[in-house]
Amino acid sequence: MRGLVDGLPSPHPIGALLPALYQEDGLVQRFTAGLDEVIAPALAVLDNLPSYLDPVLTPEDFLPWLAGWVGLALDENWPLARRRRLVAGAGDLYRARGTVRGLSAQVELLTGSPPRIEESGGTVWSPTPGAAPPGSAVAGLVVRVRETPDRPIDRRRLESIVQDAKPAAVPYRIEVVSA
């Protein structure tokens, strides 16, 4: 009989866990050895579960599933190290969601360079009573990203990232500046 993963020994052989009477029985030991081959991959995964939950250590084919746990859709065209950093930093990104810092971090992950973000603040106030308030009461956001010939910007993806990361009711404009 061939196991699911040839040559993978069971870290916890069933035959060794049986009472002494069955440990000396050849038929029982061969039967449990067959079961060991079948369950060895499952036991190996369970023994290494913390490694599967760490974005730095998880197998590459498990990373998209792990990203799904934190609501991320990974781009397979990105280098593996970049995808791992994104999944590892998802908690920090979500904690800063809706802020300039959070938007800047997400855009930088997408483009590879930090954006310049200008916001109106959307509030007006004055420290001096009766004075004209500075600023604008209308909220607004401008995101400027530098594009280089060796690093072109996927504009649809950038639009999607900014739309998802900005505060919901704030209008925005994206400017892609060529280097």
N, C-alpha and C. Protein backbone atom coordinates (compact mmCIF):
# COMPACT_ATOMS: atom_id res chain seq x y z
N MET A 1 0.85 -1.19 0.00
CA MET A 1 0.00 0.00 0.00
C MET A 1 0.88 1.24 0.00
N ARG A 2 0.54 2.21 -0.82
CA ARG A 2 1.29 3.46 -0.88
C ARG A 2 0.55 4.52 -0.08
N GLY A 3 1.31 5.30 0.69
CA GLY A 3 0.72 6.37 1.49
C GLY A 3 0.43 7.59 0.64
N LEU A 4 -0.20 8.57 1.24
CA LEU A 4 -0.50 9.82 0.54
C LEU A 4 0.77 10.58 0.21
N VAL A 5 1.77 10.49 1.09
CA VAL A 5 3.07 11.10 0.86
C VAL A 5 4.10 10.01 1.08
N ASP A 6 4.66 9.52 -0.01
CA ASP A 6 5.59 8.39 0.08
C ASP A 6 6.77 8.72 0.99
N GLY A 7 7.07 7.79 1.87
CA GLY A 7 8.23 7.91 2.74
C GLY A 7 8.04 8.80 3.95
N LEU A 8 6.85 9.38 4.14
CA LEU A 8 6.61 10.23 5.31
C LEU A 8 6.23 9.36 6.49
N PRO A 9 7.11 9.27 7.48
CA PRO A 9 6.78 8.44 8.64
C PRO A 9 5.79 9.15 9.56
N SER A 10 5.01 8.36 10.26
CA SER A 10 4.07 8.93 11.21
C SER A 10 4.84 9.35 12.46
N PRO A 11 4.63 10.58 12.93
CA PRO A 11 5.32 10.99 14.16
C PRO A 11 4.73 10.30 15.40
N HIS A 12 3.56 9.70 15.25
CA HIS A 12 2.89 9.03 16.37
C HIS A 12 2.34 7.69 15.88
N PRO A 13 3.19 6.66 15.71
CA PRO A 13 2.71 5.37 15.19
C PRO A 13 1.64 4.76 16.10
N ILE A 14 0.55 4.33 15.48
CA ILE A 14 -0.57 3.78 16.24
C ILE A 14 -0.19 2.48 16.93
N GLY A 15 0.57 1.62 16.25
CA GLY A 15 0.94 0.32 16.81
C GLY A 15 1.66 0.44 18.14
N ALA A 16 2.46 1.47 18.31
CA ALA A 16 3.20 1.66 19.57
C ALA A 16 2.30 2.10 20.70
N LEU A 17 1.09 2.57 20.39
CA LEU A 17 0.17 3.05 21.41
C LEU A 17 -0.77 1.95 21.92
N LEU A 18 -0.73 0.79 21.25
CA LEU A 18 -1.63 -0.31 21.61
C LEU A 18 -1.10 -1.07 22.82
N PRO A 19 -1.98 -1.82 23.49
CA PRO A 19 -1.52 -2.65 24.60
C PRO A 19 -0.47 -3.67 24.11
N ALA A 20 0.35 -4.16 25.03
CA ALA A 20 1.46 -5.05 24.70
C ALA A 20 1.01 -6.26 23.90
N LEU A 21 -0.15 -6.81 24.19
CA LEU A 21 -0.66 -7.99 23.49
C LEU A 21 -0.72 -7.73 21.99
N TYR A 22 -1.19 -6.53 21.59
CA TYR A 22 -1.32 -6.20 20.17
C TYR A 22 0.00 -5.72 19.56
N GLN A 23 0.90 -5.21 20.39
CA GLN A 23 2.19 -4.78 19.88
C GLN A 23 3.02 -5.96 19.38
N GLU A 24 2.73 -7.16 19.91
CA GLU A 24 3.47 -8.36 19.49
C GLU A 24 2.79 -9.08 18.34
N ASP A 25 1.60 -8.64 17.93
CA ASP A 25 0.86 -9.30 16.85
C ASP A 25 1.25 -8.66 15.52
N GLY A 26 1.83 -9.45 14.61
CA GLY A 26 2.30 -8.96 13.32
C GLY A 26 1.19 -8.42 12.45
N LEU A 27 0.04 -9.09 12.42
CA LEU A 27 -1.08 -8.64 11.60
C LEU A 27 -1.56 -7.26 12.07
N VAL A 28 -1.71 -7.08 13.36
CA VAL A 28 -2.18 -5.81 13.91
C VAL A 28 -1.16 -4.71 13.60
N GLN A 29 0.13 -5.02 13.71
CA GLN A 29 1.16 -4.02 13.45
C GLN A 29 1.19 -3.61 11.97
N ARG A 30 0.98 -4.59 11.06
CA ARG A 30 0.93 -4.26 9.62
C ARG A 30 -0.32 -3.43 9.31
N PHE A 31 -1.44 -3.76 9.92
CA PHE A 31 -2.68 -3.02 9.72
C PHE A 31 -2.53 -1.57 10.21
N THR A 32 -2.00 -1.40 11.41
CA THR A 32 -1.83 -0.04 11.94
C THR A 32 -0.76 0.73 11.17
N ALA A 33 0.23 0.03 10.62
CA ALA A 33 1.26 0.70 9.81
C ALA A 33 0.60 1.29 8.56
N GLY A 34 -0.37 0.58 7.99
CA GLY A 34 -1.11 1.12 6.83
C GLY A 34 -1.89 2.37 7.21
N LEU A 35 -2.50 2.34 8.37
CA LEU A 35 -3.23 3.52 8.85
C LEU A 35 -2.25 4.68 9.10
N ASP A 36 -1.08 4.35 9.64
CA ASP A 36 -0.06 5.38 9.89
C ASP A 36 0.31 6.11 8.61
N GLU A 37 0.44 5.36 7.51
CA GLU A 37 0.81 5.98 6.23
C GLU A 37 -0.28 6.95 5.76
N VAL A 38 -1.52 6.58 6.01
CA VAL A 38 -2.63 7.42 5.55
C VAL A 38 -2.77 8.68 6.39
N ILE A 39 -2.60 8.59 7.70
CA ILE A 39 -2.81 9.76 8.56
C ILE A 39 -1.54 10.57 8.83
N ALA A 40 -0.38 10.07 8.38
CA ALA A 40 0.88 10.78 8.63
C ALA A 40 0.85 12.22 8.11
N PRO A 41 0.35 12.49 6.87
CA PRO A 41 0.32 13.89 6.42
C PRO A 41 -0.55 14.79 7.30
N ALA A 42 -1.69 14.28 7.76
CA ALA A 42 -2.56 15.09 8.62
C ALA A 42 -1.88 15.38 9.95
N LEU A 43 -1.21 14.38 10.50
CA LEU A 43 -0.50 14.59 11.77
C LEU A 43 0.65 15.58 11.59
N ALA A 44 1.34 15.49 10.45
CA ALA A 44 2.45 16.42 10.19
C ALA A 44 1.94 17.85 10.11
N VAL A 45 0.80 18.05 9.47
CA VAL A 45 0.22 19.40 9.38
C VAL A 45 -0.17 19.90 10.77
N LEU A 46 -0.83 19.05 11.55
CA LEU A 46 -1.25 19.46 12.89
C LEU A 46 -0.06 19.77 13.79
N ASP A 47 1.00 18.96 13.66
CA ASP A 47 2.21 19.21 14.47
C ASP A 47 2.88 20.53 14.09
N ASN A 48 2.68 20.97 12.85
CA ASN A 48 3.32 22.19 12.36
C ASN A 48 2.33 23.34 12.15
N LEU A 49 1.17 23.25 12.77
CA LEU A 49 0.12 24.24 12.56
C LEU A 49 0.58 25.68 12.82
N PRO A 50 1.36 25.96 13.85
CA PRO A 50 1.80 27.35 14.03
C PRO A 50 2.57 27.90 12.83
N SER A 51 3.31 27.04 12.15
CA SER A 51 4.04 27.48 10.96
C SER A 51 3.09 27.82 9.82
N TYR A 52 1.97 27.12 9.72
CA TYR A 52 1.00 27.42 8.67
C TYR A 52 0.29 28.75 8.93
N LEU A 53 0.20 29.16 10.17
CA LEU A 53 -0.51 30.40 10.52
C LEU A 53 0.40 31.62 10.52
N ASP A 54 1.70 31.42 10.31
CA ASP A 54 2.66 32.52 10.24
C ASP A 54 2.91 32.86 8.78
N PRO A 55 2.57 34.06 8.32
CA PRO A 55 2.74 34.39 6.90
C PRO A 55 4.17 34.27 6.40
N VAL A 56 5.14 34.40 7.29
CA VAL A 56 6.54 34.30 6.87
C VAL A 56 6.94 32.84 6.63
N LEU A 57 6.34 31.91 7.35
CA LEU A 57 6.73 30.51 7.28
C LEU A 57 5.78 29.62 6.48
N THR A 58 4.56 30.07 6.27
CA THR A 58 3.55 29.22 5.64
C THR A 58 3.98 28.82 4.22
N PRO A 59 3.60 27.63 3.77
CA PRO A 59 3.91 27.25 2.38
C PRO A 59 3.26 28.23 1.40
N GLU A 60 3.92 28.43 0.27
CA GLU A 60 3.45 29.42 -0.71
C GLU A 60 2.02 29.15 -1.17
N ASP A 61 1.66 27.88 -1.33
CA ASP A 61 0.31 27.57 -1.82
C ASP A 61 -0.75 27.79 -0.75
N PHE A 62 -0.37 27.94 0.51
CA PHE A 62 -1.32 28.19 1.60
C PHE A 62 -1.51 29.69 1.85
N LEU A 63 -0.59 30.51 1.34
CA LEU A 63 -0.62 31.96 1.60
C LEU A 63 -1.92 32.63 1.13
N PRO A 64 -2.46 32.31 -0.07
CA PRO A 64 -3.72 32.95 -0.46
C PRO A 64 -4.88 32.61 0.48
N TRP A 65 -4.89 31.40 1.00
CA TRP A 65 -5.95 31.03 1.93
C TRP A 65 -5.79 31.81 3.23
N LEU A 66 -4.56 31.94 3.70
CA LEU A 66 -4.30 32.72 4.90
C LEU A 66 -4.67 34.19 4.68
N ALA A 67 -4.41 34.70 3.49
CA ALA A 67 -4.79 36.08 3.16
C ALA A 67 -6.31 36.25 3.19
N GLY A 68 -7.02 35.22 2.76
CA GLY A 68 -8.48 35.27 2.79
C GLY A 68 -9.03 35.41 4.20
N TRP A 69 -8.31 34.90 5.18
CA TRP A 69 -8.74 35.02 6.58
C TRP A 69 -8.79 36.47 7.02
N VAL A 70 -7.91 37.30 6.45
CA VAL A 70 -7.87 38.71 6.84
C VAL A 70 -8.45 39.60 5.75
N GLY A 71 -9.17 39.01 4.80
CA GLY A 71 -9.90 39.78 3.79
C GLY A 71 -9.03 40.39 2.71
N LEU A 72 -7.89 39.77 2.39
CA LEU A 72 -7.01 40.29 1.35
C LEU A 72 -7.10 39.44 0.09
N ALA A 73 -7.01 40.09 -1.04
CA ALA A 73 -6.87 39.38 -2.31
C ALA A 73 -5.46 39.68 -2.81
N LEU A 74 -4.64 38.65 -2.91
CA LEU A 74 -3.25 38.84 -3.30
C LEU A 74 -3.09 38.80 -4.82
N ASP A 75 -2.15 39.57 -5.30
CA ASP A 75 -1.81 39.57 -6.72
C ASP A 75 -0.68 38.56 -6.92
N GLU A 76 -0.94 37.51 -7.70
CA GLU A 76 0.06 36.45 -7.91
C GLU A 76 1.30 36.96 -8.63
N ASN A 77 1.21 38.12 -9.27
CA ASN A 77 2.36 38.68 -9.99
C ASN A 77 3.38 39.33 -9.06
N TRP A 78 2.98 39.61 -7.83
CA TRP A 78 3.90 40.21 -6.88
C TRP A 78 4.90 39.17 -6.40
N PRO A 79 6.10 39.60 -6.03
CA PRO A 79 7.07 38.66 -5.46
C PRO A 79 6.53 38.05 -4.16
N LEU A 80 6.96 36.84 -3.89
CA LEU A 80 6.48 36.12 -2.71
C LEU A 80 6.74 36.91 -1.43
N ALA A 81 7.91 37.53 -1.31
CA ALA A 81 8.24 38.28 -0.09
C ALA A 81 7.26 39.44 0.12
N ARG A 82 6.86 40.09 -0.95
CA ARG A 82 5.91 41.20 -0.85
C ARG A 82 4.54 40.71 -0.40
N ARG A 83 4.09 39.58 -0.96
CA ARG A 83 2.79 39.02 -0.56
C ARG A 83 2.81 38.62 0.91
N ARG A 84 3.92 38.03 1.36
CA ARG A 84 4.03 37.64 2.77
C ARG A 84 3.98 38.87 3.68
N ARG A 85 4.68 39.95 3.30
CA ARG A 85 4.67 41.19 4.10
C ARG A 85 3.26 41.77 4.19
N LEU A 86 2.52 41.71 3.09
CA LEU A 86 1.17 42.25 3.07
C LEU A 86 0.26 41.48 4.04
N VAL A 87 0.33 40.15 3.99
CA VAL A 87 -0.51 39.35 4.89
C VAL A 87 -0.08 39.57 6.34
N ALA A 88 1.23 39.62 6.58
CA ALA A 88 1.72 39.82 7.95
C ALA A 88 1.31 41.18 8.50
N GLY A 89 1.24 42.20 7.64
CA GLY A 89 0.90 43.54 8.10
C GLY A 89 -0.57 43.89 7.97
N ALA A 90 -1.41 42.94 7.64
CA ALA A 90 -2.83 43.23 7.42
C ALA A 90 -3.49 43.83 8.65
N GLY A 91 -3.15 43.35 9.81
CA GLY A 91 -3.74 43.88 11.04
C GLY A 91 -3.43 45.37 11.22
N ASP A 92 -2.18 45.74 10.98
CA ASP A 92 -1.80 47.15 11.10
C ASP A 92 -2.49 48.00 10.04
N LEU A 93 -2.61 47.43 8.81
CA LEU A 93 -3.30 48.17 7.75
C LEU A 93 -4.76 48.43 8.10
N TYR A 94 -5.43 47.42 8.63
CA TYR A 94 -6.84 47.59 8.98
C TYR A 94 -7.02 48.51 10.18
N ARG A 95 -6.06 48.49 11.09
CA ARG A 95 -6.14 49.37 12.25
C ARG A 95 -6.04 50.84 11.81
N ALA A 96 -5.29 51.09 10.73
CA ALA A 96 -5.11 52.47 10.25
C ALA A 96 -6.06 52.81 9.10
N ARG A 97 -6.99 51.92 8.80
CA ARG A 97 -7.90 52.14 7.67
C ARG A 97 -8.70 53.44 7.86
N GLY A 98 -8.83 54.18 6.78
CA GLY A 98 -9.56 55.44 6.83
C GLY A 98 -8.72 56.62 7.23
N THR A 99 -7.42 56.40 7.47
CA THR A 99 -6.51 57.49 7.82
C THR A 99 -5.53 57.70 6.68
N VAL A 100 -4.87 58.84 6.68
CA VAL A 100 -3.86 59.12 5.65
C VAL A 100 -2.73 58.10 5.76
N ARG A 101 -2.34 57.77 6.98
CA ARG A 101 -1.27 56.80 7.18
C ARG A 101 -1.64 55.45 6.60
N GLY A 102 -2.86 55.00 6.83
CA GLY A 102 -3.32 53.71 6.31
C GLY A 102 -3.42 53.71 4.80
N LEU A 103 -3.96 54.78 4.24
CA LEU A 103 -4.07 54.89 2.78
C LEU A 103 -2.68 54.91 2.15
N SER A 104 -1.78 55.67 2.75
CA SER A 104 -0.42 55.76 2.23
C SER A 104 0.27 54.39 2.25
N ALA A 105 0.10 53.65 3.34
CA ALA A 105 0.72 52.32 3.44
C ALA A 105 0.17 51.37 2.38
N GLN A 106 -1.13 51.40 2.14
CA GLN A 106 -1.71 50.50 1.15
C GLN A 106 -1.28 50.87 -0.26
N VAL A 107 -1.25 52.15 -0.57
CA VAL A 107 -0.82 52.58 -1.90
C VAL A 107 0.66 52.24 -2.10
N GLU A 108 1.47 52.43 -1.08
CA GLU A 108 2.90 52.09 -1.19
C GLU A 108 3.10 50.60 -1.41
N LEU A 109 2.31 49.76 -0.76
CA LEU A 109 2.41 48.32 -1.00
C LEU A 109 2.09 47.99 -2.45
N LEU A 110 1.12 48.67 -3.03
CA LEU A 110 0.74 48.41 -4.41
C LEU A 110 1.78 48.92 -5.39
N THR A 111 2.24 50.15 -5.19
CA THR A 111 3.09 50.79 -6.19
C THR A 111 4.58 50.63 -5.91
N GLY A 112 4.96 50.41 -4.67
CA GLY A 112 6.37 50.29 -4.33
C GLY A 112 7.02 51.62 -3.98
N SER A 113 6.28 52.71 -4.10
CA SER A 113 6.84 54.01 -3.70
C SER A 113 5.79 54.77 -2.89
N PRO A 114 6.25 55.58 -1.93
CA PRO A 114 5.28 56.29 -1.08
C PRO A 114 4.54 57.37 -1.88
N PRO A 115 3.23 57.46 -1.72
CA PRO A 115 2.46 58.50 -2.43
C PRO A 115 2.50 59.82 -1.67
N ARG A 116 2.14 60.88 -2.34
CA ARG A 116 1.90 62.16 -1.68
C ARG A 116 0.40 62.30 -1.57
N ILE A 117 -0.08 62.50 -0.37
CA ILE A 117 -1.52 62.60 -0.15
C ILE A 117 -1.84 63.95 0.46
N GLU A 118 -2.78 64.64 -0.17
CA GLU A 118 -3.25 65.93 0.34
C GLU A 118 -4.71 65.75 0.70
N GLU A 119 -5.06 66.24 1.88
CA GLU A 119 -6.46 66.19 2.30
C GLU A 119 -6.90 67.57 2.76
N SER A 120 -8.16 67.87 2.51
CA SER A 120 -8.68 69.17 2.90
C SER A 120 -8.98 69.21 4.39
N GLY A 121 -9.17 68.08 4.97
CA GLY A 121 -9.53 68.03 6.38
C GLY A 121 -11.03 68.03 6.57
N GLY A 122 -11.74 68.68 5.69
CA GLY A 122 -13.19 68.68 5.72
C GLY A 122 -13.79 69.32 6.95
N THR A 123 -13.03 70.18 7.62
CA THR A 123 -13.56 70.87 8.79
C THR A 123 -13.12 72.33 8.74
N VAL A 124 -13.84 73.17 9.39
CA VAL A 124 -13.44 74.57 9.51
C VAL A 124 -13.55 74.98 10.97
N TRP A 125 -12.59 75.72 11.42
CA TRP A 125 -12.61 76.25 12.78
C TRP A 125 -11.59 77.38 12.85
N SER A 126 -11.71 78.16 13.86
CA SER A 126 -10.78 79.25 14.05
C SER A 126 -10.48 79.38 15.53
N PRO A 127 -9.20 79.56 15.86
CA PRO A 127 -8.87 79.75 17.28
C PRO A 127 -9.29 81.13 17.79
N THR A 128 -9.61 82.04 16.86
CA THR A 128 -10.01 83.40 17.24
C THR A 128 -11.51 83.55 17.03
N PRO A 129 -12.26 83.88 18.08
CA PRO A 129 -13.71 84.04 17.92
C PRO A 129 -14.04 85.15 16.91
N GLY A 130 -15.01 84.85 16.04
CA GLY A 130 -15.48 85.82 15.07
C GLY A 130 -14.61 85.94 13.82
N ALA A 131 -13.44 85.29 13.80
CA ALA A 131 -12.56 85.38 12.63
C ALA A 131 -13.04 84.41 11.56
N ALA A 132 -12.68 84.70 10.32
CA ALA A 132 -13.02 83.78 9.22
C ALA A 132 -12.23 82.48 9.41
N PRO A 133 -12.91 81.35 9.36
CA PRO A 133 -12.19 80.10 9.58
C PRO A 133 -11.32 79.72 8.38
N PRO A 134 -10.12 79.18 8.65
CA PRO A 134 -9.26 78.74 7.57
C PRO A 134 -9.71 77.37 7.06
N GLY A 135 -9.16 76.94 5.97
CA GLY A 135 -9.48 75.61 5.47
C GLY A 135 -10.76 75.58 4.68
N SER A 136 -11.22 74.39 4.42
CA SER A 136 -12.43 74.20 3.63
C SER A 136 -13.36 73.26 4.35
N ALA A 137 -14.64 73.58 4.31
CA ALA A 137 -15.62 72.72 4.96
C ALA A 137 -15.92 71.48 4.12
N VAL A 138 -15.48 71.48 2.87
CA VAL A 138 -15.73 70.36 1.96
C VAL A 138 -14.55 69.39 2.06
N ALA A 139 -14.85 68.15 2.37
CA ALA A 139 -13.79 67.14 2.46
C ALA A 139 -13.31 66.77 1.06
N GLY A 140 -12.04 66.47 0.95
CA GLY A 140 -11.47 66.08 -0.34
C GLY A 140 -10.12 65.44 -0.14
N LEU A 141 -9.72 64.65 -1.12
CA LEU A 141 -8.49 63.88 -1.01
C LEU A 141 -7.84 63.81 -2.39
N VAL A 142 -6.53 64.08 -2.44
CA VAL A 142 -5.77 63.95 -3.69
C VAL A 142 -4.62 62.98 -3.40
N VAL A 143 -4.53 61.93 -4.20
CA VAL A 143 -3.47 60.94 -4.05
C VAL A 143 -2.58 61.03 -5.29
N ARG A 144 -1.30 61.40 -5.07
CA ARG A 144 -0.34 61.49 -6.17
C ARG A 144 0.65 60.35 -6.06
N VAL A 145 0.81 59.63 -7.17
CA VAL A 145 1.71 58.48 -7.19
C VAL A 145 2.69 58.67 -8.35
N ARG A 146 3.96 58.40 -8.08
CA ARG A 146 5.00 58.52 -9.11
C ARG A 146 5.14 57.20 -9.84
N GLU A 147 5.08 57.28 -11.18
CA GLU A 147 5.23 56.11 -12.04
C GLU A 147 6.58 56.20 -12.74
N THR A 148 7.31 55.09 -12.76
CA THR A 148 8.59 55.05 -13.47
C THR A 148 8.49 54.03 -14.59
N PRO A 149 9.34 54.14 -15.60
CA PRO A 149 9.27 53.18 -16.72
C PRO A 149 9.45 51.73 -16.28
N ASP A 150 10.28 51.51 -15.26
CA ASP A 150 10.49 50.14 -14.80
C ASP A 150 9.42 49.67 -13.81
N ARG A 151 8.59 50.59 -13.34
CA ARG A 151 7.54 50.24 -12.40
C ARG A 151 6.24 50.95 -12.79
N PRO A 152 5.54 50.42 -13.82
CA PRO A 152 4.28 51.06 -14.24
C PRO A 152 3.19 50.83 -13.19
N ILE A 153 2.24 51.74 -13.16
CA ILE A 153 1.14 51.69 -12.20
C ILE A 153 -0.08 51.04 -12.86
N ASP A 154 -0.66 50.06 -12.19
CA ASP A 154 -1.93 49.48 -12.62
C ASP A 154 -3.02 50.41 -12.11
N ARG A 155 -3.54 51.26 -12.98
CA ARG A 155 -4.46 52.32 -12.56
C ARG A 155 -5.78 51.78 -12.00
N ARG A 156 -6.28 50.70 -12.59
CA ARG A 156 -7.54 50.14 -12.06
C ARG A 156 -7.34 49.60 -10.65
N ARG A 157 -6.23 48.94 -10.43
CA ARG A 157 -5.96 48.39 -9.10
C ARG A 157 -5.74 49.53 -8.10
N LEU A 158 -5.03 50.58 -8.52
CA LEU A 158 -4.81 51.74 -7.65
C LEU A 158 -6.14 52.39 -7.29
N GLU A 159 -7.01 52.53 -8.27
CA GLU A 159 -8.35 53.09 -8.03
C GLU A 159 -9.10 52.26 -7.00
N SER A 160 -9.02 50.96 -7.13
CA SER A 160 -9.71 50.05 -6.21
C SER A 160 -9.14 50.17 -4.79
N ILE A 161 -7.81 50.25 -4.68
CA ILE A 161 -7.16 50.36 -3.36
C ILE A 161 -7.58 51.66 -2.68
N VAL A 162 -7.52 52.77 -3.41
CA VAL A 162 -7.88 54.07 -2.82
C VAL A 162 -9.35 54.08 -2.43
N GLN A 163 -10.21 53.56 -3.29
CA GLN A 163 -11.65 53.52 -3.00
C GLN A 163 -11.93 52.74 -1.72
N ASP A 164 -11.23 51.63 -1.52
CA ASP A 164 -11.47 50.80 -0.34
C ASP A 164 -10.83 51.36 0.93
N ALA A 165 -9.71 52.08 0.80
CA ALA A 165 -8.95 52.50 1.98
C ALA A 165 -9.31 53.88 2.50
N LYS A 166 -9.94 54.70 1.70
CA LYS A 166 -10.28 56.06 2.13
C LYS A 166 -11.57 56.05 2.95
N PRO A 167 -11.84 57.11 3.68
CA PRO A 167 -13.14 57.20 4.35
C PRO A 167 -14.26 57.19 3.31
N ALA A 168 -15.35 56.55 3.62
CA ALA A 168 -16.41 56.27 2.65
C ALA A 168 -16.99 57.50 1.97
N ALA A 169 -17.24 58.57 2.67
CA ALA A 169 -17.95 59.71 2.10
C ALA A 169 -17.03 60.78 1.52
N VAL A 170 -15.73 60.53 1.49
CA VAL A 170 -14.79 61.55 1.04
C VAL A 170 -14.52 61.41 -0.45
N PRO A 171 -14.79 62.47 -1.23
CA PRO A 171 -14.46 62.42 -2.66
C PRO A 171 -12.93 62.47 -2.82
N TYR A 172 -12.44 61.88 -3.92
CA TYR A 172 -11.00 61.81 -4.11
C TYR A 172 -10.63 61.95 -5.58
N ARG A 173 -9.35 62.21 -5.80
CA ARG A 173 -8.80 62.29 -7.14
C ARG A 173 -7.43 61.62 -7.11
N ILE A 174 -7.13 60.85 -8.15
CA ILE A 174 -5.83 60.19 -8.23
C ILE A 174 -5.05 60.83 -9.37
N GLU A 175 -3.80 61.17 -9.07
CA GLU A 175 -2.91 61.72 -10.10
C GLU A 175 -1.69 60.81 -10.19
N VAL A 176 -1.45 60.29 -11.38
CA VAL A 176 -0.24 59.48 -11.61
C VAL A 176 0.74 60.36 -12.33
N VAL A 177 1.88 60.60 -11.68
CA VAL A 177 2.91 61.50 -12.20
C VAL A 177 4.03 60.64 -12.78
N SER A 178 4.40 60.91 -14.03
CA SER A 178 5.49 60.17 -14.67
C SER A 178 6.83 60.77 -14.25
N ALA A 179 7.80 59.89 -14.06
CA ALA A 179 9.12 60.34 -13.64
C ALA A 179 9.92 60.81 -14.83
